[in-house]
Amino acid sequence: LGAYFATQAIAPKGANPEAVETGERIYRGGIPERNIA
């Protein structure tokens, strides 16, 4: 099952534009002052 699903292409999805700034900041830089990687 793992092998089969790995061969399938995932459908692209979008992000909420209002959440991108916060989401990107945490995803790429974490929150160092709160020890969030």
Full PDB file with SEQRES, HELIX, SHEET, SSBOND, CRYST1, ORIGX, SCALE, CONECT and MASTER records, all heavy atoms in Angstrom:
SEQRES   1 A   37  LEU GLY ALA TYR PHE ALA THR GLN ALA ILE ALA PRO LYS          
SEQRES   2 A   37  GLY ALA ASN PRO GLU ALA VAL GLU THR GLY GLU ARG ILE          
SEQRES   3 A   37  TYR ARG GLY GLY ILE PRO GLU ARG ASN ILE ALA                  
HELIX    1 AA1 GLY A    2  ALA A    6  1                                   5    
HELIX    2 AA2 PRO A   17  ALA A   19  5                                   3    
HELIX    3 AA3 VAL A   20  GLY A   29  1                                  10    
HELIX    4 AA4 PRO A   32  ARG A   34  5                                   3    
CRYST1    1.000    1.000    1.000  90.00  90.00  90.00 P 1           1          
ORIGX1      1.000000  0.000000  0.000000        0.00000                         
ORIGX2      0.000000  1.000000  0.000000        0.00000                         
ORIGX3      0.000000  0.000000  1.000000        0.00000                         
SCALE1      1.000000  0.000000  0.000000        0.00000                         
SCALE2      0.000000  1.000000  0.000000        0.00000                         
SCALE3      0.000000  0.000000  1.000000        0.00000                         
ATOM      1  N   LEU A   1       0.831  -1.202   0.000  1.00  0.00           N  
ATOM      2  CA  LEU A   1       0.000   0.000   0.000  1.00  0.00           C  
ATOM      3  C   LEU A   1       0.872   1.260   0.000  1.00  0.00           C  
ATOM      4  O   LEU A   1       0.591   2.218  -0.735  1.00  0.00           O  
ATOM      5  CB  LEU A   1      -0.930  -0.003   1.212  1.00  0.00           C  
ATOM      6  CG  LEU A   1      -2.087  -0.997   1.151  1.00  0.00           C  
ATOM      7  CD1 LEU A   1      -2.745  -1.145   2.519  1.00  0.00           C  
ATOM      8  CD2 LEU A   1      -3.115  -0.564   0.109  1.00  0.00           C  
ATOM      9  N   GLY A   2       1.913   1.246   0.803  1.00  0.00           N  
ATOM     10  CA  GLY A   2       2.833   2.380   0.834  1.00  0.00           C  
ATOM     11  C   GLY A   2       3.460   2.626  -0.526  1.00  0.00           C  
ATOM     12  O   GLY A   2       3.559   3.773  -0.986  1.00  0.00           O  
ATOM     13  N   ALA A   3       3.866   1.544  -1.185  1.00  0.00           N  
ATOM     14  CA  ALA A   3       4.503   1.654  -2.500  1.00  0.00           C  
ATOM     15  C   ALA A   3       3.534   2.226  -3.534  1.00  0.00           C  
ATOM     16  O   ALA A   3       3.913   3.057  -4.368  1.00  0.00           O  
ATOM     17  CB  ALA A   3       5.007   0.286  -2.950  1.00  0.00           C  
ATOM     18  N   TYR A   4       2.279   1.793  -3.476  1.00  0.00           N  
ATOM     19  CA  TYR A   4       1.297   2.283  -4.448  1.00  0.00           C  
ATOM     20  C   TYR A   4       1.038   3.778  -4.273  1.00  0.00           C  
ATOM     21  O   TYR A   4       1.114   4.559  -5.236  1.00  0.00           O  
ATOM     22  CB  TYR A   4      -0.020   1.517  -4.334  1.00  0.00           C  
ATOM     23  CG  TYR A   4      -1.132   2.167  -5.111  1.00  0.00           C  
ATOM     24  CD1 TYR A   4      -1.073   2.266  -6.507  1.00  0.00           C  
ATOM     25  CD2 TYR A   4      -2.236   2.738  -4.458  1.00  0.00           C  
ATOM     26  CE1 TYR A   4      -2.077   2.899  -7.230  1.00  0.00           C  
ATOM     27  CE2 TYR A   4      -3.238   3.372  -5.176  1.00  0.00           C  
ATOM     28  CZ  TYR A   4      -3.161   3.455  -6.556  1.00  0.00           C  
ATOM     29  OH  TYR A   4      -4.152   4.090  -7.271  1.00  0.00           O  
ATOM     30  N   PHE A   5       0.716   4.180  -3.059  1.00  0.00           N  
ATOM     31  CA  PHE A   5       0.374   5.588  -2.846  1.00  0.00           C  
ATOM     32  C   PHE A   5       1.572   6.503  -3.110  1.00  0.00           C  
ATOM     33  O   PHE A   5       1.399   7.648  -3.537  1.00  0.00           O  
ATOM     34  CB  PHE A   5      -0.177   5.793  -1.433  1.00  0.00           C  
ATOM     35  CG  PHE A   5      -1.571   5.263  -1.266  1.00  0.00           C  
ATOM     36  CD1 PHE A   5      -1.847   4.269  -0.341  1.00  0.00           C  
ATOM     37  CD2 PHE A   5      -2.611   5.744  -2.055  1.00  0.00           C  
ATOM     38  CE1 PHE A   5      -3.136   3.769  -0.193  1.00  0.00           C  
ATOM     39  CE2 PHE A   5      -3.905   5.250  -1.922  1.00  0.00           C  
ATOM     40  CZ  PHE A   5      -4.169   4.255  -0.994  1.00  0.00           C  
ATOM     41  N   ALA A   6       2.774   6.004  -2.902  1.00  0.00           N  
ATOM     42  CA  ALA A   6       3.968   6.812  -3.175  1.00  0.00           C  
ATOM     43  C   ALA A   6       4.106   7.144  -4.656  1.00  0.00           C  
ATOM     44  O   ALA A   6       4.734   8.155  -5.006  1.00  0.00           O  
ATOM     45  CB  ALA A   6       5.209   6.080  -2.682  1.00  0.00           C  
ATOM     46  N   THR A   7       3.537   6.323  -5.523  1.00  0.00           N  
ATOM     47  CA  THR A   7       3.640   6.560  -6.972  1.00  0.00           C  
ATOM     48  C   THR A   7       2.587   7.544  -7.488  1.00  0.00           C  
ATOM     49  O   THR A   7       2.654   7.966  -8.643  1.00  0.00           O  
ATOM     50  CB  THR A   7       3.483   5.246  -7.755  1.00  0.00           C  
ATOM     51  OG1 THR A   7       2.151   4.733  -7.583  1.00  0.00           O  
ATOM     52  CG2 THR A   7       4.498   4.201  -7.304  1.00  0.00           C  
ATOM     53  N   GLN A   8       1.631   7.895  -6.655  1.00  0.00           N  
ATOM     54  CA  GLN A   8       0.550   8.777  -7.088  1.00  0.00           C  
ATOM     55  C   GLN A   8       0.908  10.244  -6.846  1.00  0.00           C  
ATOM     56  O   GLN A   8       1.582  10.573  -5.861  1.00  0.00           O  
ATOM     57  CB  GLN A   8      -0.748   8.430  -6.341  1.00  0.00           C  
ATOM     58  CG  GLN A   8      -1.180   6.980  -6.488  1.00  0.00           C  
ATOM     59  CD  GLN A   8      -1.336   6.574  -7.940  1.00  0.00           C  
ATOM     60  OE1 GLN A   8      -2.185   7.100  -8.667  1.00  0.00           O  
ATOM     61  NE2 GLN A   8      -0.508   5.631  -8.392  1.00  0.00           N  
ATOM     62  N   ALA A   9       0.444  11.113  -7.734  1.00  0.00           N  
ATOM     63  CA  ALA A   9       0.734  12.550  -7.608  1.00  0.00           C  
ATOM     64  C   ALA A   9      -0.291  13.209  -6.700  1.00  0.00           C  
ATOM     65  O   ALA A   9      -1.501  13.028  -6.875  1.00  0.00           O  
ATOM     66  CB  ALA A   9       0.707  13.203  -8.987  1.00  0.00           C  
ATOM     67  N   ILE A  10       0.188  13.974  -5.720  1.00  0.00           N  
ATOM     68  CA  ILE A  10      -0.729  14.655  -4.811  1.00  0.00           C  
ATOM     69  C   ILE A  10      -1.296  15.901  -5.486  1.00  0.00           C  
ATOM     70  O   ILE A  10      -0.596  16.600  -6.232  1.00  0.00           O  
ATOM     71  CB  ILE A  10      -0.034  15.026  -3.490  1.00  0.00           C  
ATOM     72  CG1 ILE A  10      -1.067  15.471  -2.449  1.00  0.00           C  
ATOM     73  CG2 ILE A  10       1.049  16.081  -3.690  1.00  0.00           C  
ATOM     74  CD1 ILE A  10      -0.550  15.530  -1.037  1.00  0.00           C  
ATOM     75  N   ALA A  11      -2.573  16.154  -5.258  1.00  0.00           N  
ATOM     76  CA  ALA A  11      -3.233  17.301  -5.873  1.00  0.00           C  
ATOM     77  C   ALA A  11      -2.815  18.589  -5.155  1.00  0.00           C  
ATOM     78  O   ALA A  11      -2.886  18.661  -3.923  1.00  0.00           O  
ATOM     79  CB  ALA A  11      -4.747  17.132  -5.799  1.00  0.00           C  
ATOM     80  N   PRO A  12      -2.371  19.612  -5.904  1.00  0.00           N  
ATOM     81  CA  PRO A  12      -1.960  20.882  -5.287  1.00  0.00           C  
ATOM     82  C   PRO A  12      -3.128  21.560  -4.569  1.00  0.00           C  
ATOM     83  O   PRO A  12      -4.280  21.445  -4.988  1.00  0.00           O  
ATOM     84  CB  PRO A  12      -1.504  21.723  -6.481  1.00  0.00           C  
ATOM     85  CG  PRO A  12      -1.196  20.732  -7.549  1.00  0.00           C  
ATOM     86  CD  PRO A  12      -2.174  19.615  -7.356  1.00  0.00           C  
ATOM     87  N   LYS A  13      -2.820  22.223  -3.485  1.00  0.00           N  
ATOM     88  CA  LYS A  13      -3.832  22.960  -2.724  1.00  0.00           C  
ATOM     89  C   LYS A  13      -3.248  24.315  -2.349  1.00  0.00           C  
ATOM     90  O   LYS A  13      -2.033  24.484  -2.318  1.00  0.00           O  
ATOM     91  CB  LYS A  13      -4.224  22.187  -1.457  1.00  0.00           C  
ATOM     92  CG  LYS A  13      -4.746  20.781  -1.718  1.00  0.00           C  
ATOM     93  CD  LYS A  13      -4.961  20.033  -0.416  1.00  0.00           C  
ATOM     94  CE  LYS A  13      -5.333  18.580  -0.663  1.00  0.00           C  
ATOM     95  NZ  LYS A  13      -4.196  17.813  -1.240  1.00  0.00           N  
ATOM     96  N   GLY A  14      -4.103  25.248  -2.052  1.00  0.00           N  
ATOM     97  CA  GLY A  14      -3.648  26.589  -1.705  1.00  0.00           C  
ATOM     98  C   GLY A  14      -3.718  26.862  -0.217  1.00  0.00           C  
ATOM     99  O   GLY A  14      -4.285  26.085   0.551  1.00  0.00           O  
ATOM    100  N   ALA A  15      -3.128  27.982   0.179  1.00  0.00           N  
ATOM    101  CA  ALA A  15      -3.138  28.411   1.576  1.00  0.00           C  
ATOM    102  C   ALA A  15      -4.025  29.640   1.726  1.00  0.00           C  
ATOM    103  O   ALA A  15      -4.241  30.388   0.772  1.00  0.00           O  
ATOM    104  CB  ALA A  15      -1.721  28.726   2.036  1.00  0.00           C  
ATOM    105  N   ASN A  16      -4.530  29.854   2.921  1.00  0.00           N  
ATOM    106  CA  ASN A  16      -5.269  31.059   3.245  1.00  0.00           C  
ATOM    107  C   ASN A  16      -4.278  32.228   3.223  1.00  0.00           C  
ATOM    108  O   ASN A  16      -3.337  32.238   4.026  1.00  0.00           O  
ATOM    109  CB  ASN A  16      -5.912  30.912   4.628  1.00  0.00           C  
ATOM    110  CG  ASN A  16      -6.626  32.177   5.072  1.00  0.00           C  
ATOM    111  OD1 ASN A  16      -6.633  33.194   4.387  1.00  0.00           O  
ATOM    112  ND2 ASN A  16      -7.226  32.118   6.253  1.00  0.00           N  
ATOM    113  N   PRO A  17      -4.466  33.198   2.331  1.00  0.00           N  
ATOM    114  CA  PRO A  17      -3.504  34.305   2.227  1.00  0.00           C  
ATOM    115  C   PRO A  17      -3.269  35.032   3.548  1.00  0.00           C  
ATOM    116  O   PRO A  17      -2.170  35.528   3.808  1.00  0.00           O  
ATOM    117  CB  PRO A  17      -4.155  35.243   1.193  1.00  0.00           C  
ATOM    118  CG  PRO A  17      -5.055  34.363   0.399  1.00  0.00           C  
ATOM    119  CD  PRO A  17      -5.565  33.326   1.366  1.00  0.00           C  
ATOM    120  N   GLU A  18      -4.289  35.087   4.398  1.00  0.00           N  
ATOM    121  CA  GLU A  18      -4.169  35.799   5.662  1.00  0.00           C  
ATOM    122  C   GLU A  18      -3.288  35.051   6.667  1.00  0.00           C  
ATOM    123  O   GLU A  18      -2.845  35.638   7.663  1.00  0.00           O  
ATOM    124  CB  GLU A  18      -5.560  36.029   6.265  1.00  0.00           C  
ATOM    125  CG  GLU A  18      -6.448  36.933   5.411  1.00  0.00           C  
ATOM    126  CD  GLU A  18      -7.831  37.107   6.017  1.00  0.00           C  
ATOM    127  OE1 GLU A  18      -8.082  36.535   7.117  1.00  0.00           O  
ATOM    128  OE2 GLU A  18      -8.654  37.812   5.414  1.00  0.00           O  
ATOM    129  N   ALA A  19      -3.058  33.756   6.397  1.00  0.00           N  
ATOM    130  CA  ALA A  19      -2.279  32.943   7.337  1.00  0.00           C  
ATOM    131  C   ALA A  19      -0.845  32.717   6.878  1.00  0.00           C  
ATOM    132  O   ALA A  19      -0.032  32.195   7.644  1.00  0.00           O  
ATOM    133  CB  ALA A  19      -2.968  31.591   7.544  1.00  0.00           C  
ATOM    134  N   VAL A  20      -0.537  33.113   5.650  1.00  0.00           N  
ATOM    135  CA  VAL A  20       0.767  32.790   5.074  1.00  0.00           C  
ATOM    136  C   VAL A  20       1.926  33.391   5.859  1.00  0.00           C  
ATOM    137  O   VAL A  20       2.916  32.707   6.140  1.00  0.00           O  
ATOM    138  CB  VAL A  20       0.836  33.224   3.590  1.00  0.00           C  
ATOM    139  CG1 VAL A  20       2.268  33.147   3.074  1.00  0.00           C  
ATOM    140  CG2 VAL A  20      -0.074  32.347   2.743  1.00  0.00           C  
ATOM    141  N   GLU A  21       1.825  34.642   6.225  1.00  0.00           N  
ATOM    142  CA  GLU A  21       2.950  35.310   6.902  1.00  0.00           C  
ATOM    143  C   GLU A  21       3.311  34.602   8.215  1.00  0.00           C  
ATOM    144  O   GLU A  21       4.474  34.286   8.471  1.00  0.00           O  
ATOM    145  CB  GLU A  21       2.621  36.777   7.174  1.00  0.00           C  
ATOM    146  CG  GLU A  21       3.780  37.532   7.813  1.00  0.00           C  
ATOM    147  CD  GLU A  21       3.466  39.008   8.033  1.00  0.00           C  
ATOM    148  OE1 GLU A  21       2.422  39.486   7.553  1.00  0.00           O  
ATOM    149  OE2 GLU A  21       4.282  39.677   8.708  1.00  0.00           O  
ATOM    150  N   THR A  22       2.303  34.338   9.027  1.00  0.00           N  
ATOM    151  CA  THR A  22       2.560  33.667  10.310  1.00  0.00           C  
ATOM    152  C   THR A  22       3.015  32.241  10.103  1.00  0.00           C  
ATOM    153  O   THR A  22       3.981  31.779  10.724  1.00  0.00           O  
ATOM    154  CB  THR A  22       1.281  33.682  11.179  1.00  0.00           C  
ATOM    155  OG1 THR A  22       0.909  35.026  11.452  1.00  0.00           O  
ATOM    156  CG2 THR A  22       1.513  32.937  12.494  1.00  0.00           C  
ATOM    157  N   GLY A  23       2.324  31.537   9.214  1.00  0.00           N  
ATOM    158  CA  GLY A  23       2.672  30.146   8.952  1.00  0.00           C  
ATOM    159  C   GLY A  23       4.079  29.983   8.411  1.00  0.00           C  
ATOM    160  O   GLY A  23       4.830  29.107   8.843  1.00  0.00           O  
ATOM    161  N   GLU A  24       4.448  30.844   7.475  1.00  0.00           N  
ATOM    162  CA  GLU A  24       5.787  30.768   6.884  1.00  0.00           C  
ATOM    163  C   GLU A  24       6.859  31.091   7.919  1.00  0.00           C  
ATOM    164  O   GLU A  24       7.916  30.451   7.952  1.00  0.00           O  
ATOM    165  CB  GLU A  24       5.899  31.725   5.696  1.00  0.00           C  
ATOM    166  CG  GLU A  24       7.234  31.644   4.996  1.00  0.00           C  
ATOM    167  CD  GLU A  24       7.304  32.507   3.748  1.00  0.00           C  
ATOM    168  OE1 GLU A  24       6.517  33.482   3.652  1.00  0.00           O  
ATOM    169  OE2 GLU A  24       8.116  32.203   2.852  1.00  0.00           O  
ATOM    170  N   ARG A  25       6.587  32.079   8.760  1.00  0.00           N  
ATOM    171  CA  ARG A  25       7.567  32.472   9.775  1.00  0.00           C  
ATOM    172  C   ARG A  25       7.873  31.295  10.714  1.00  0.00           C  
ATOM    173  O   ARG A  25       9.035  31.006  11.012  1.00  0.00           O  
ATOM    174  CB  ARG A  25       7.038  33.669  10.573  1.00  0.00           C  
ATOM    175  CG  ARG A  25       7.924  34.074  11.747  1.00  0.00           C  
ATOM    176  CD  ARG A  25       7.428  35.353  12.403  1.00  0.00           C  
ATOM    177  NE  ARG A  25       6.029  35.294  12.779  1.00  0.00           N  
ATOM    178  CZ  ARG A  25       5.582  34.721  13.905  1.00  0.00           C  
ATOM    179  NH1 ARG A  25       6.440  34.141  14.738  1.00  0.00           N  
ATOM    180  NH2 ARG A  25       4.292  34.721  14.191  1.00  0.00           N  
ATOM    181  N   ILE A  26       6.819  30.602  11.142  1.00  0.00           N  
ATOM    182  CA  ILE A  26       7.025  29.470  12.058  1.00  0.00           C  
ATOM    183  C   ILE A  26       7.658  28.296  11.322  1.00  0.00           C  
ATOM    184  O   ILE A  26       8.582  27.659  11.842  1.00  0.00           O  
ATOM    185  CB  ILE A  26       5.683  29.038  12.693  1.00  0.00           C  
ATOM    186  CG1 ILE A  26       5.098  30.181  13.518  1.00  0.00           C  
ATOM    187  CG2 ILE A  26       5.878  27.794  13.565  1.00  0.00           C  
ATOM    188  CD1 ILE A  26       3.681  29.927  14.001  1.00  0.00           C  
ATOM    189  N   TYR A  27       7.170  28.020  10.125  1.00  0.00           N  
ATOM    190  CA  TYR A  27       7.688  26.874   9.367  1.00  0.00           C  
ATOM    191  C   TYR A  27       9.175  27.028   9.091  1.00  0.00           C  
ATOM    192  O   TYR A  27       9.954  26.090   9.258  1.00  0.00           O  
ATOM    193  CB  TYR A  27       6.924  26.713   8.048  1.00  0.00           C  
ATOM    194  CG  TYR A  27       7.318  25.461   7.296  1.00  0.00           C  
ATOM    195  CD1 TYR A  27       6.670  24.258   7.523  1.00  0.00           C  
ATOM    196  CD2 TYR A  27       8.361  25.487   6.378  1.00  0.00           C  
ATOM    197  CE1 TYR A  27       7.048  23.096   6.864  1.00  0.00           C  
ATOM    198  CE2 TYR A  27       8.754  24.337   5.713  1.00  0.00           C  
ATOM    199  CZ  TYR A  27       8.091  23.143   5.960  1.00  0.00           C  
ATOM    200  OH  TYR A  27       8.485  21.986   5.296  1.00  0.00           O  
ATOM    201  N   ARG A  28       9.577  28.213   8.677  1.00  0.00           N  
ATOM    202  CA  ARG A  28      10.961  28.418   8.250  1.00  0.00           C  
ATOM    203  C   ARG A  28      11.906  28.838   9.382  1.00  0.00           C  
ATOM    204  O   ARG A  28      13.101  28.528   9.322  1.00  0.00           O  
ATOM    205  CB  ARG A  28      11.020  29.445   7.115  1.00  0.00           C  
ATOM    206  CG  ARG A  28      10.271  28.972   5.878  1.00  0.00           C  
ATOM    207  CD  ARG A  28      10.498  29.853   4.670  1.00  0.00           C  
ATOM    208  NE  ARG A  28       9.808  29.303   3.511  1.00  0.00           N  
ATOM    209  CZ  ARG A  28      10.265  28.297   2.763  1.00  0.00           C  
ATOM    210  NH1 ARG A  28      11.438  27.752   3.054  1.00  0.00           N  
ATOM    211  NH2 ARG A  28       9.578  27.842   1.737  1.00  0.00           N  
ATOM    212  N   GLY A  29      11.387  29.497  10.385  1.00  0.00           N  
ATOM    213  CA  GLY A  29      12.280  30.000  11.430  1.00  0.00           C  
ATOM    214  C   GLY A  29      11.954  29.545  12.835  1.00  0.00           C  
ATOM    215  O   GLY A  29      12.725  29.807  13.765  1.00  0.00           O  
ATOM    216  N   GLY A  30      10.800  28.884  13.001  1.00  0.00           N  
ATOM    217  CA  GLY A  30      10.378  28.505  14.334  1.00  0.00           C  
ATOM    218  C   GLY A  30      10.070  29.736  15.166  1.00  0.00           C  
ATOM    219  O   GLY A  30       9.875  30.844  14.643  1.00  0.00           O  
ATOM    220  N   ILE A  31      10.033  29.568  16.478  1.00  0.00           N  
ATOM    221  CA  ILE A  31       9.870  30.693  17.397  1.00  0.00           C  
ATOM    222  C   ILE A  31      10.940  30.519  18.477  1.00  0.00           C  
ATOM    223  O   ILE A  31      10.703  29.917  19.528  1.00  0.00           O  
ATOM    224  CB  ILE A  31       8.456  30.721  18.022  1.00  0.00           C  
ATOM    225  CG1 ILE A  31       7.382  30.661  16.924  1.00  0.00           C  
ATOM    226  CG2 ILE A  31       8.266  31.983  18.874  1.00  0.00           C  
ATOM    227  CD1 ILE A  31       5.954  30.628  17.449  1.00  0.00           C  
ATOM    228  N   PRO A  32      12.151  31.004  18.194  1.00  0.00           N  
ATOM    229  CA  PRO A  32      13.297  30.767  19.080  1.00  0.00           C  
ATOM    230  C   PRO A  32      13.070  31.167  20.530  1.00  0.00           C  
ATOM    231  O   PRO A  32      13.494  30.455  21.447  1.00  0.00           O  
ATOM    232  CB  PRO A  32      14.406  31.615  18.442  1.00  0.00           C  
ATOM    233  CG  PRO A  32      14.008  31.736  17.009  1.00  0.00           C  
ATOM    234  CD  PRO A  32      12.520  31.802  17.012  1.00  0.00           C  
ATOM    235  N   GLU A  33      12.378  32.289  20.735  1.00  0.00           N  
ATOM    236  CA  GLU A  33      12.194  32.768  22.111  1.00  0.00           C  
ATOM    237  C   GLU A  33      11.304  31.844  22.940  1.00  0.00           C  
ATOM    238  O   GLU A  33      11.296  31.911  24.171  1.00  0.00           O  
ATOM    239  CB  GLU A  33      11.626  34.196  22.119  1.00  0.00           C  
ATOM    240  CG  GLU A  33      10.256  34.353  21.499  1.00  0.00           C  
ATOM    241  CD  GLU A  33      10.284  34.603  19.994  1.00  0.00           C  
ATOM    242  OE1 GLU A  33      11.311  34.267  19.359  1.00  0.00           O  
ATOM    243  OE2 GLU A  33       9.294  35.140  19.470  1.00  0.00           O  
ATOM    244  N   ARG A  34      10.567  30.943  22.256  1.00  0.00           N  
ATOM    245  CA  ARG A  34       9.722  29.963  22.970  1.00  0.00           C  
ATOM    246  C   ARG A  34      10.213  28.541  22.726  1.00  0.00           C  
ATOM    247  O   ARG A  34       9.502  27.579  22.990  1.00  0.00           O  
ATOM    248  CB  ARG A  34       8.261  30.127  22.538  1.00  0.00           C  
ATOM    249  CG  ARG A  34       7.620  31.370  23.152  1.00  0.00           C  
ATOM    250  CD  ARG A  34       6.310  31.776  22.521  1.00  0.00           C  
ATOM    251  NE  ARG A  34       5.432  30.681  22.233  1.00  0.00           N  
ATOM    252  CZ  ARG A  34       4.505  30.722  21.254  1.00  0.00           C  
ATOM    253  NH1 ARG A  34       4.385  31.810  20.499  1.00  0.00           N  
ATOM    254  NH2 ARG A  34       3.724  29.704  21.031  1.00  0.00           N  
ATOM    255  N   ASN A  35      11.422  28.430  22.223  1.00  0.00           N  
ATOM    256  CA  ASN A  35      12.047  27.114  21.982  1.00  0.00           C  
ATOM    257  C   ASN A  35      11.247  26.234  21.029  1.00  0.00           C  
ATOM    258  O   ASN A  35      11.222  25.006  21.172  1.00  0.00           O  
ATOM    259  CB  ASN A  35      12.273  26.368  23.309  1.00  0.00           C  
ATOM    260  CG  ASN A  35      13.252  27.086  24.205  1.00  0.00           C  
ATOM    261  OD1 ASN A  35      14.289  27.561  23.754  1.00  0.00           O  
ATOM    262  ND2 ASN A  35      12.916  27.190  25.489  1.00  0.00           N  
ATOM    263  N   ILE A  36      10.605  26.873  20.043  1.00  0.00           N  
ATOM    264  CA  ILE A  36       9.852  26.130  19.034  1.00  0.00           C  
ATOM    265  C   ILE A  36      10.731  25.995  17.791  1.00  0.00           C  
ATOM    266  O   ILE A  36      11.124  26.991  17.192  1.00  0.00           O  
ATOM    267  CB  ILE A  36       8.532  26.835  18.683  1.00  0.00           C  
ATOM    268  CG1 ILE A  36       7.619  26.876  19.917  1.00  0.00           C  
ATOM    269  CG2 ILE A  36       7.837  26.137  17.525  1.00  0.00           C  
ATOM    270  CD1 ILE A  36       6.336  27.649  19.718  1.00  0.00           C  
ATOM    271  N   ALA A  37      11.047  24.760  17.447  1.00  0.00           N  
ATOM    272  CA  ALA A  37      11.936  24.491  16.312  1.00  0.00           C  
ATOM    273  C   ALA A  37      11.232  24.758  14.983  1.00  0.00           C  
ATOM    274  O   ALA A  37      10.012  24.651  14.868  1.00  0.00           O  
ATOM    275  CB  ALA A  37      12.406  23.042  16.360  1.00  0.00           C  
TER     276      ALA A  37                                                      
MASTER        0    0    0    4    0    0    0    6  275    1    0    3          
END                                                                             
